[in-house]
Amino acid sequence: MSPDTKKNYPPQFSLILRVACGAYLLYLAWGLREAAFQGEGGLLYGIALVVFAVVAIILLFFSVRSLLRGEFSKPGNEQDDEEQKDETNSNDDI
């Protein structure tokens, strides 16, 4: 990939954290399923269940897809890019 078309991808660790957050939101939604259909406040719990589940599915889908496609910056790439720019600039000064 040429430097002009290179995208700014999120760090790999950030995508892993997003997957963990999405899994936790699904866990919370699963825990709300009983409260959503019982007693007072069932409507509120039901709305929370739907919101948590939708956000979790979207978060998991895009994060896992990016991880599988390799659309993330690997640790240390930012430093290498900056060092290459510095070397190029120092060679231009000569």
N, C-alpha and C. Protein backbone atom coordinates (compact mmCIF):
# COMPACT_ATOMS: atom_id res chain seq x y z
N MET A 1 0.85 -1.17 0.00
CA MET A 1 0.00 0.00 0.00
C MET A 1 0.90 1.23 0.00
N SER A 2 0.60 2.18 -0.86
CA SER A 2 1.42 3.38 -0.94
C SER A 2 1.12 4.29 0.25
N PRO A 3 2.08 5.14 0.61
CA PRO A 3 1.88 6.03 1.76
C PRO A 3 0.72 7.00 1.56
N ASP A 4 0.41 7.33 0.31
CA ASP A 4 -0.68 8.28 0.06
C ASP A 4 -2.05 7.69 0.37
N THR A 5 -2.20 6.38 0.15
CA THR A 5 -3.50 5.74 0.37
C THR A 5 -3.59 5.05 1.72
N LYS A 6 -2.58 5.15 2.55
CA LYS A 6 -2.58 4.50 3.86
C LYS A 6 -3.62 5.16 4.76
N LYS A 7 -4.42 4.34 5.41
CA LYS A 7 -5.47 4.86 6.30
C LYS A 7 -4.96 4.87 7.73
N ASN A 8 -5.60 5.68 8.54
CA ASN A 8 -5.29 5.71 9.96
C ASN A 8 -6.14 4.67 10.67
N TYR A 9 -5.57 3.50 10.89
CA TYR A 9 -6.28 2.42 11.55
C TYR A 9 -6.11 2.54 13.06
N PRO A 10 -7.11 2.05 13.82
CA PRO A 10 -6.98 2.06 15.28
C PRO A 10 -5.95 1.01 15.71
N PRO A 11 -5.37 1.18 16.89
CA PRO A 11 -4.43 0.17 17.39
C PRO A 11 -5.13 -1.16 17.63
N GLN A 12 -4.38 -2.24 17.54
CA GLN A 12 -4.94 -3.57 17.73
C GLN A 12 -5.53 -3.72 19.13
N PHE A 13 -4.87 -3.17 20.13
CA PHE A 13 -5.35 -3.27 21.51
C PHE A 13 -6.70 -2.57 21.66
N SER A 14 -6.90 -1.48 20.95
CA SER A 14 -8.18 -0.77 21.00
C SER A 14 -9.31 -1.64 20.46
N LEU A 15 -9.05 -2.37 19.39
CA LEU A 15 -10.07 -3.26 18.84
C LEU A 15 -10.37 -4.40 19.80
N ILE A 16 -9.36 -4.90 20.48
CA ILE A 16 -9.57 -5.97 21.45
C ILE A 16 -10.43 -5.46 22.61
N LEU A 17 -10.17 -4.24 23.06
CA LEU A 17 -11.00 -3.65 24.12
C LEU A 17 -12.44 -3.44 23.66
N ARG A 18 -12.63 -3.08 22.41
CA ARG A 18 -13.98 -2.92 21.88
C ARG A 18 -14.72 -4.24 21.87
N VAL A 19 -14.03 -5.32 21.52
CA VAL A 19 -14.65 -6.64 21.53
C VAL A 19 -15.05 -7.01 22.96
N ALA A 20 -14.17 -6.74 23.92
CA ALA A 20 -14.47 -7.04 25.32
C ALA A 20 -15.68 -6.22 25.80
N CYS A 21 -15.74 -4.95 25.44
CA CYS A 21 -16.89 -4.10 25.83
C CYS A 21 -18.18 -4.59 25.18
N GLY A 22 -18.10 -4.99 23.92
CA GLY A 22 -19.29 -5.52 23.25
C GLY A 22 -19.78 -6.81 23.90
N ALA A 23 -18.83 -7.68 24.29
CA ALA A 23 -19.22 -8.92 24.96
C ALA A 23 -19.85 -8.61 26.32
N TYR A 24 -19.32 -7.63 27.02
CA TYR A 24 -19.88 -7.27 28.32
C TYR A 24 -21.29 -6.68 28.17
N LEU A 25 -21.50 -5.87 27.13
CA LEU A 25 -22.84 -5.32 26.89
C LEU A 25 -23.83 -6.43 26.56
N LEU A 26 -23.40 -7.44 25.81
CA LEU A 26 -24.28 -8.58 25.55
C LEU A 26 -24.60 -9.33 26.84
N TYR A 27 -23.60 -9.45 27.70
CA TYR A 27 -23.81 -10.10 29.00
C TYR A 27 -24.83 -9.32 29.83
N LEU A 28 -24.71 -8.00 29.83
CA LEU A 28 -25.68 -7.17 30.56
C LEU A 28 -27.08 -7.29 29.97
N ALA A 29 -27.17 -7.30 28.65
CA ALA A 29 -28.48 -7.45 28.00
C ALA A 29 -29.10 -8.80 28.35
N TRP A 30 -28.28 -9.83 28.39
CA TRP A 30 -28.78 -11.17 28.74
C TRP A 30 -29.30 -11.18 30.18
N GLY A 31 -28.62 -10.46 31.06
CA GLY A 31 -29.04 -10.39 32.46
C GLY A 31 -30.33 -9.60 32.65
N LEU A 32 -30.62 -8.70 31.74
CA LEU A 32 -31.84 -7.88 31.83
C LEU A 32 -33.08 -8.57 31.27
N ARG A 33 -32.91 -9.68 30.59
CA ARG A 33 -34.04 -10.31 29.92
C ARG A 33 -35.15 -10.72 30.88
N GLU A 34 -34.80 -11.19 32.09
CA GLU A 34 -35.83 -11.59 33.05
C GLU A 34 -36.55 -10.37 33.63
N ALA A 35 -35.78 -9.32 33.94
CA ALA A 35 -36.37 -8.12 34.53
C ALA A 35 -37.26 -7.39 33.52
N ALA A 36 -36.97 -7.55 32.25
CA ALA A 36 -37.75 -6.83 31.23
C ALA A 36 -39.18 -7.34 31.14
N PHE A 37 -39.40 -8.57 31.54
CA PHE A 37 -40.74 -9.15 31.39
C PHE A 37 -41.46 -9.33 32.72
N GLN A 38 -40.93 -8.74 33.79
CA GLN A 38 -41.55 -8.89 35.11
C GLN A 38 -41.76 -7.54 35.77
N GLY A 39 -42.82 -7.44 36.53
CA GLY A 39 -43.05 -6.34 37.46
C GLY A 39 -42.97 -4.95 36.88
N GLU A 40 -42.84 -4.00 37.83
CA GLU A 40 -42.78 -2.60 37.46
C GLU A 40 -41.43 -2.28 36.84
N GLY A 41 -41.45 -1.34 35.95
CA GLY A 41 -40.21 -0.93 35.30
C GLY A 41 -39.80 -1.87 34.19
N GLY A 42 -40.67 -2.79 33.83
CA GLY A 42 -40.35 -3.74 32.77
C GLY A 42 -40.07 -3.08 31.44
N LEU A 43 -40.82 -2.01 31.16
CA LEU A 43 -40.62 -1.29 29.91
C LEU A 43 -39.23 -0.65 29.87
N LEU A 44 -38.83 -0.05 30.99
CA LEU A 44 -37.52 0.57 31.06
C LEU A 44 -36.41 -0.46 30.88
N TYR A 45 -36.55 -1.60 31.55
CA TYR A 45 -35.57 -2.67 31.40
C TYR A 45 -35.56 -3.21 29.96
N GLY A 46 -36.72 -3.28 29.37
CA GLY A 46 -36.81 -3.75 27.99
C GLY A 46 -36.10 -2.82 27.03
N ILE A 47 -36.27 -1.52 27.23
CA ILE A 47 -35.59 -0.54 26.38
C ILE A 47 -34.07 -0.65 26.57
N ALA A 48 -33.65 -0.77 27.82
CA ALA A 48 -32.22 -0.91 28.10
C ALA A 48 -31.67 -2.19 27.46
N LEU A 49 -32.43 -3.27 27.52
CA LEU A 49 -32.02 -4.53 26.92
C LEU A 49 -31.81 -4.36 25.42
N VAL A 50 -32.74 -3.73 24.75
CA VAL A 50 -32.64 -3.55 23.30
C VAL A 50 -31.46 -2.64 22.95
N VAL A 51 -31.30 -1.54 23.68
CA VAL A 51 -30.20 -0.62 23.40
C VAL A 51 -28.86 -1.32 23.63
N PHE A 52 -28.70 -2.02 24.74
CA PHE A 52 -27.45 -2.72 25.02
C PHE A 52 -27.15 -3.76 23.95
N ALA A 53 -28.17 -4.52 23.56
CA ALA A 53 -27.97 -5.58 22.57
C ALA A 53 -27.59 -5.00 21.21
N VAL A 54 -28.26 -3.93 20.78
CA VAL A 54 -27.96 -3.34 19.48
C VAL A 54 -26.55 -2.75 19.46
N VAL A 55 -26.20 -2.00 20.49
CA VAL A 55 -24.86 -1.40 20.56
C VAL A 55 -23.80 -2.50 20.61
N ALA A 56 -24.05 -3.56 21.37
CA ALA A 56 -23.09 -4.66 21.48
C ALA A 56 -22.89 -5.35 20.14
N ILE A 57 -23.95 -5.60 19.43
CA ILE A 57 -23.84 -6.28 18.14
C ILE A 57 -23.09 -5.43 17.13
N ILE A 58 -23.38 -4.14 17.09
CA ILE A 58 -22.67 -3.24 16.17
C ILE A 58 -21.19 -3.17 16.53
N LEU A 59 -20.91 -3.00 17.82
CA LEU A 59 -19.52 -2.91 18.28
C LEU A 59 -18.75 -4.19 17.98
N LEU A 60 -19.36 -5.32 18.27
CA LEU A 60 -18.70 -6.60 18.00
C LEU A 60 -18.50 -6.83 16.51
N PHE A 61 -19.50 -6.53 15.71
CA PHE A 61 -19.40 -6.77 14.27
C PHE A 61 -18.22 -6.01 13.65
N PHE A 62 -18.19 -4.70 13.88
CA PHE A 62 -17.15 -3.89 13.24
C PHE A 62 -15.77 -4.15 13.82
N SER A 63 -15.68 -4.42 15.11
CA SER A 63 -14.38 -4.68 15.72
C SER A 63 -13.80 -6.03 15.27
N VAL A 64 -14.63 -7.06 15.28
CA VAL A 64 -14.16 -8.38 14.86
C VAL A 64 -13.82 -8.36 13.37
N ARG A 65 -14.63 -7.68 12.58
CA ARG A 65 -14.35 -7.58 11.14
C ARG A 65 -13.00 -6.90 10.90
N SER A 66 -12.72 -5.83 11.63
CA SER A 66 -11.44 -5.14 11.47
C SER A 66 -10.27 -6.01 11.91
N LEU A 67 -10.48 -6.76 12.98
CA LEU A 67 -9.41 -7.66 13.44
C LEU A 67 -9.15 -8.76 12.41
N LEU A 68 -10.20 -9.34 11.85
CA LEU A 68 -10.02 -10.42 10.89
C LEU A 68 -9.41 -9.93 9.58
N ARG A 69 -9.74 -8.73 9.18
CA ARG A 69 -9.19 -8.16 7.95
C ARG A 69 -7.79 -7.59 8.14
N GLY A 70 -7.35 -7.46 9.38
CA GLY A 70 -6.04 -6.88 9.65
C GLY A 70 -6.03 -5.37 9.53
N GLU A 71 -7.17 -4.75 9.71
CA GLU A 71 -7.27 -3.29 9.59
C GLU A 71 -6.99 -2.65 10.94
N PHE A 72 -5.76 -2.77 11.39
CA PHE A 72 -5.34 -2.14 12.63
C PHE A 72 -3.86 -1.83 12.52
N SER A 73 -3.45 -0.86 13.33
CA SER A 73 -2.03 -0.54 13.34
C SER A 73 -1.34 -1.43 14.37
N LYS A 74 -0.24 -1.99 13.95
CA LYS A 74 0.50 -2.87 14.83
C LYS A 74 1.35 -2.03 15.79
N PRO A 75 1.61 -2.54 16.98
CA PRO A 75 2.43 -1.78 17.93
C PRO A 75 3.80 -1.45 17.35
N GLY A 76 4.20 -0.22 17.51
CA GLY A 76 5.52 0.20 17.06
C GLY A 76 5.54 0.82 15.68
N ASN A 77 4.46 0.73 14.93
CA ASN A 77 4.44 1.30 13.58
C ASN A 77 4.55 2.81 13.59
N GLU A 78 3.96 3.46 14.58
CA GLU A 78 4.00 4.91 14.63
C GLU A 78 5.42 5.41 14.81
N GLN A 79 6.20 4.73 15.64
CA GLN A 79 7.58 5.14 15.87
C GLN A 79 8.42 4.94 14.62
N ASP A 80 8.22 3.84 13.91
CA ASP A 80 8.98 3.57 12.70
C ASP A 80 8.69 4.62 11.63
N ASP A 81 7.42 5.00 11.50
CA ASP A 81 7.05 6.01 10.52
C ASP A 81 7.70 7.35 10.85
N GLU A 82 7.71 7.72 12.13
CA GLU A 82 8.32 8.99 12.53
C GLU A 82 9.83 8.96 12.31
N GLU A 83 10.47 7.83 12.59
CA GLU A 83 11.92 7.72 12.38
C GLU A 83 12.25 7.83 10.90
N GLN A 84 11.44 7.23 10.04
CA GLN A 84 11.69 7.31 8.61
C GLN A 84 11.53 8.75 8.12
N LYS A 85 10.56 9.47 8.66
CA LYS A 85 10.37 10.87 8.28
C LYS A 85 11.56 11.71 8.73
N ASP A 86 12.05 11.44 9.96
CA ASP A 86 13.21 12.17 10.47
C ASP A 86 14.44 11.91 9.62
N GLU A 87 14.65 10.65 9.22
CA GLU A 87 15.80 10.31 8.39
C GLU A 87 15.70 10.99 7.03
N THR A 88 14.53 11.04 6.47
CA THR A 88 14.32 11.68 5.18
C THR A 88 14.59 13.17 5.29
N ASN A 89 14.11 13.79 6.38
CA ASN A 89 14.33 15.22 6.57
C ASN A 89 15.80 15.52 6.80
N SER A 90 16.52 14.68 7.51
CA SER A 90 17.93 14.92 7.77
C SER A 90 18.76 14.74 6.50
N ASN A 91 18.35 13.85 5.61
CA ASN A 91 19.04 13.66 4.35
C ASN A 91 18.78 14.84 3.41
N ASP A 92 17.62 15.46 3.52
CA ASP A 92 17.31 16.62 2.69
C ASP A 92 18.16 17.83 3.09
N ASP A 93 18.55 17.90 4.36
CA ASP A 93 19.35 19.04 4.84
C ASP A 93 20.76 19.01 4.31
N ILE A 94 21.25 17.86 3.94
CA ILE A 94 22.65 17.73 3.51
C ILE A 94 22.88 18.26 2.14
